[in-house]
Amino acid sequence: MAYAVIDSDGTLSCAVGSEDDDTAADTASDIELEDNTASTIMDVKDDHDFGDCVIWAIITVGSETGCNPAVFPPYSSGISGIELQDYAANVDEDTVSCSLGGTISIDDAGTEIEFS
């Protein structure tokens, strides 16, 4: 049994950020499951905001601390065997890296759909 991440009522966190952000289930492909938008390993928002970033503060010698992530898909690892338009569905605890050095993880999937 597996649970796919859907909608945007869950939370993401960054290991070097000070705040959580909403999940990114706003796909360009608009994959719909049970009247909700589903998230795949390729879904990465372009406007993440994790509050203050420890790494960015170091890079800018403290003059900038706001989150300015550069995140490129895919998430790892998705749900094995559950593909939505050729990509694995996201699941709790999937992670993706920020090019600044942080690791972003799905802490709470929010609304989920069960696959069995």
C-alpha atoms as a PDB file:
ATOM      1  CA  MET A   1       0.000   0.000   0.000  1.00  0.00           C
ATOM      2  CA  ALA A   2       1.290   3.495  -0.870  1.00  0.00           C
ATOM      3  CA  TYR A   3       0.019   7.027  -0.521  1.00  0.00           C
ATOM      4  CA  ALA A   4       0.457   9.599  -3.281  1.00  0.00           C
ATOM      5  CA  VAL A   5       0.894  13.286  -2.426  1.00  0.00           C
ATOM      6  CA  ILE A   6      -1.874  15.458  -3.792  1.00  0.00           C
ATOM      7  CA  ASP A   7      -3.018  19.070  -3.545  1.00  0.00           C
ATOM      8  CA  SER A   8      -0.965  21.699  -1.794  1.00  0.00           C
ATOM      9  CA  ASP A   9      -2.037  21.365   1.820  1.00  0.00           C
ATOM     10  CA  GLY A  10       1.047  19.483   2.970  1.00  0.00           C
ATOM     11  CA  THR A  11       4.415  20.828   4.074  1.00  0.00           C
ATOM     12  CA  LEU A  12       7.980  20.828   2.834  1.00  0.00           C
ATOM     13  CA  SER A  13      11.019  21.680   4.910  1.00  0.00           C
ATOM     14  CA  CYS A  14      14.594  22.586   4.063  1.00  0.00           C
ATOM     15  CA  ALA A  15      17.428  21.385   6.264  1.00  0.00           C
ATOM     16  CA  VAL A  16      19.001  24.870   6.263  1.00  0.00           C
ATOM     17  CA  GLY A  17      15.814  26.978   6.205  1.00  0.00           C
ATOM     18  CA  SER A  18      14.008  28.487   9.182  1.00  0.00           C
ATOM     19  CA  GLU A  19      10.406  27.880   8.014  1.00  0.00           C
ATOM     20  CA  ASP A  20       8.281  25.248   6.279  1.00  0.00           C
ATOM     21  CA  ASP A  21       6.660  25.782   2.868  1.00  0.00           C
ATOM     22  CA  ASP A  22       3.599  24.327   1.107  1.00  0.00           C
ATOM     23  CA  THR A  23       3.890  21.223  -1.057  1.00  0.00           C
ATOM     24  CA  ALA A  24       4.168  21.712  -4.807  1.00  0.00           C
ATOM     25  CA  ALA A  25       1.335  19.793  -6.373  1.00  0.00           C
ATOM     26  CA  ASP A  26       0.705  22.385  -9.037  1.00  0.00           C
ATOM     27  CA  THR A  27       1.945  20.459 -12.031  1.00  0.00           C
ATOM     28  CA  ALA A  28       2.229  21.722 -15.558  1.00  0.00           C
ATOM     29  CA  SER A  29       0.584  18.493 -16.658  1.00  0.00           C
ATOM     30  CA  ASP A  30      -2.387  18.980 -14.285  1.00  0.00           C
ATOM     31  CA  ILE A  31      -2.659  15.345 -13.222  1.00  0.00           C
ATOM     32  CA  GLU A  32      -6.021  14.930 -11.511  1.00  0.00           C
ATOM     33  CA  LEU A  33      -6.858  12.192  -8.978  1.00  0.00           C
ATOM     34  CA  GLU A  34     -10.179  12.257  -7.146  1.00  0.00           C
ATOM     35  CA  ASP A  35     -10.688  15.935  -8.087  1.00  0.00           C
ATOM     36  CA  ASN A  36      -7.271  16.951  -6.735  1.00  0.00           C
ATOM     37  CA  THR A  37      -3.981  17.793  -8.453  1.00  0.00           C
ATOM     38  CA  ALA A  38      -1.373  15.073  -7.933  1.00  0.00           C
ATOM     39  CA  SER A  39       2.351  15.587  -7.402  1.00  0.00           C
ATOM     40  CA  THR A  40       5.120  13.647  -9.145  1.00  0.00           C
ATOM     41  CA  ILE A  41       8.884  13.483  -8.606  1.00  0.00           C
ATOM     42  CA  MET A  42       9.200  16.194 -11.283  1.00  0.00           C
ATOM     43  CA  ASP A  43       7.066  18.782  -9.427  1.00  0.00           C
ATOM     44  CA  VAL A  44       9.200  21.543  -7.969  1.00  0.00           C
ATOM     45  CA  LYS A  45       7.785  24.992  -7.266  1.00  0.00           C
ATOM     46  CA  ASP A  46       9.731  27.962  -8.588  1.00  0.00           C
ATOM     47  CA  ASP A  47       8.812  30.143  -5.619  1.00  0.00           C
ATOM     48  CA  HIS A  48       9.796  28.199  -2.503  1.00  0.00           C
ATOM     49  CA  ASP A  49      10.151  30.222   0.663  1.00  0.00           C
ATOM     50  CA  PHE A  50      11.793  28.497   3.603  1.00  0.00           C
ATOM     51  CA  GLY A  51      12.395  31.692   5.589  1.00  0.00           C
ATOM     52  CA  ASP A  52      16.007  32.458   6.434  1.00  0.00           C
ATOM     53  CA  CYS A  53      18.662  30.293   4.773  1.00  0.00           C
ATOM     54  CA  VAL A  54      21.822  29.516   6.722  1.00  0.00           C
ATOM     55  CA  ILE A  55      23.875  28.872   3.571  1.00  0.00           C
ATOM     56  CA  TRP A  56      22.657  31.995   1.754  1.00  0.00           C
ATOM     57  CA  ALA A  57      23.527  34.083   4.812  1.00  0.00           C
ATOM     58  CA  ILE A  58      27.081  32.667   4.738  1.00  0.00           C
ATOM     59  CA  ILE A  59      27.455  33.254   0.979  1.00  0.00           C
ATOM     60  CA  THR A  60      26.327  36.882   1.274  1.00  0.00           C
ATOM     61  CA  VAL A  61      28.225  37.457   4.538  1.00  0.00           C
ATOM     62  CA  GLY A  62      24.963  38.160   6.318  1.00  0.00           C
ATOM     63  CA  SER A  63      23.701  40.882   3.963  1.00  0.00           C
ATOM     64  CA  GLU A  64      20.968  38.554   2.626  1.00  0.00           C
ATOM     65  CA  THR A  65      19.326  35.817   4.654  1.00  0.00           C
ATOM     66  CA  GLY A  66      16.065  35.178   2.800  1.00  0.00           C
ATOM     67  CA  CYS A  67      15.530  31.849   1.078  1.00  0.00           C
ATOM     68  CA  ASN A  68      16.436  31.970  -2.610  1.00  0.00           C
ATOM     69  CA  PRO A  69      16.450  28.297  -3.599  1.00  0.00           C
ATOM     70  CA  ALA A  70      17.595  26.840  -6.877  1.00  0.00           C
ATOM     71  CA  VAL A  71      15.830  23.493  -6.939  1.00  0.00           C
ATOM     72  CA  PHE A  72      15.883  21.101  -9.869  1.00  0.00           C
ATOM     73  CA  PRO A  73      13.849  17.891 -10.093  1.00  0.00           C
ATOM     74  CA  PRO A  74      13.550  15.023  -9.686  1.00  0.00           C
ATOM     75  CA  TYR A  75      12.656  14.221  -6.121  1.00  0.00           C
ATOM     76  CA  SER A  76      13.937  10.889  -4.852  1.00  0.00           C
ATOM     77  CA  SER A  77      12.459   8.305  -4.854  1.00  0.00           C
ATOM     78  CA  GLY A  78       8.723   8.487  -5.427  1.00  0.00           C
ATOM     79  CA  ILE A  79       6.340   5.576  -5.185  1.00  0.00           C
ATOM     80  CA  SER A  80       7.752   2.508  -6.876  1.00  0.00           C
ATOM     81  CA  GLY A  81       5.315   1.179  -9.444  1.00  0.00           C
ATOM     82  CA  ILE A  82       2.880   4.123  -9.255  1.00  0.00           C
ATOM     83  CA  GLU A  83       3.453   6.363 -12.254  1.00  0.00           C
ATOM     84  CA  LEU A  84       1.450   9.437 -13.216  1.00  0.00           C
ATOM     85  CA  GLN A  85       2.094  10.456 -16.821  1.00  0.00           C
ATOM     86  CA  ASP A  86       5.407   8.544 -16.877  1.00  0.00           C
ATOM     87  CA  TYR A  87       6.711   9.882 -13.541  1.00  0.00           C
ATOM     88  CA  ALA A  88       6.579   8.302 -10.093  1.00  0.00           C
ATOM     89  CA  ALA A  89       4.105   9.876  -7.696  1.00  0.00           C
ATOM     90  CA  ASN A  90       5.574  11.763  -4.738  1.00  0.00           C
ATOM     91  CA  VAL A  91       5.286  10.259  -1.278  1.00  0.00           C
ATOM     92  CA  ASP A  92       6.020  11.437   2.285  1.00  0.00           C
ATOM     93  CA  GLU A  93       9.754  11.782   2.950  1.00  0.00           C
ATOM     94  CA  ASP A  94      10.804  12.204  -0.707  1.00  0.00           C
ATOM     95  CA  THR A  95      13.693  14.662  -0.978  1.00  0.00           C
ATOM     96  CA  VAL A  96      15.190  17.030  -3.548  1.00  0.00           C
ATOM     97  CA  SER A  97      18.409  19.055  -3.334  1.00  0.00           C
ATOM     98  CA  CYS A  98      18.843  22.801  -3.589  1.00  0.00           C
ATOM     99  CA  SER A  99      21.922  23.856  -5.536  1.00  0.00           C
ATOM    100  CA  LEU A 100      22.900  26.069  -2.574  1.00  0.00           C
ATOM    101  CA  GLY A 101      23.304  22.922  -0.476  1.00  0.00           C
ATOM    102  CA  GLY A 102      20.031  22.421   1.381  1.00  0.00           C
ATOM    103  CA  THR A 103      17.927  19.272   1.267  1.00  0.00           C
ATOM    104  CA  ILE A 104      14.195  19.768   0.851  1.00  0.00           C
ATOM    105  CA  SER A 105      11.912  17.018   2.085  1.00  0.00           C
ATOM    106  CA  ILE A 106       8.188  16.328   2.076  1.00  0.00           C
ATOM    107  CA  ASP A 107       7.411  16.255   5.789  1.00  0.00           C
ATOM    108  CA  ASP A 108       3.643  16.008   5.465  1.00  0.00           C
ATOM    109  CA  ALA A 109       1.950  14.967   2.262  1.00  0.00           C
ATOM    110  CA  GLY A 110      -1.259  16.721   3.221  1.00  0.00           C
ATOM    111  CA  THR A 111      -4.141  15.143   1.359  1.00  0.00           C
ATOM    112  CA  GLU A 112      -3.176  11.664   0.130  1.00  0.00           C
ATOM    113  CA  ILE A 113      -4.643   9.014  -2.116  1.00  0.00           C
ATOM    114  CA  GLU A 114      -4.114   5.379  -1.190  1.00  0.00           C
ATOM    115  CA  PHE A 115      -2.876   2.921  -3.805  1.00  0.00           C
ATOM    116  CA  SER A 116      -2.908  -0.773  -3.088  1.00  0.00           C
END
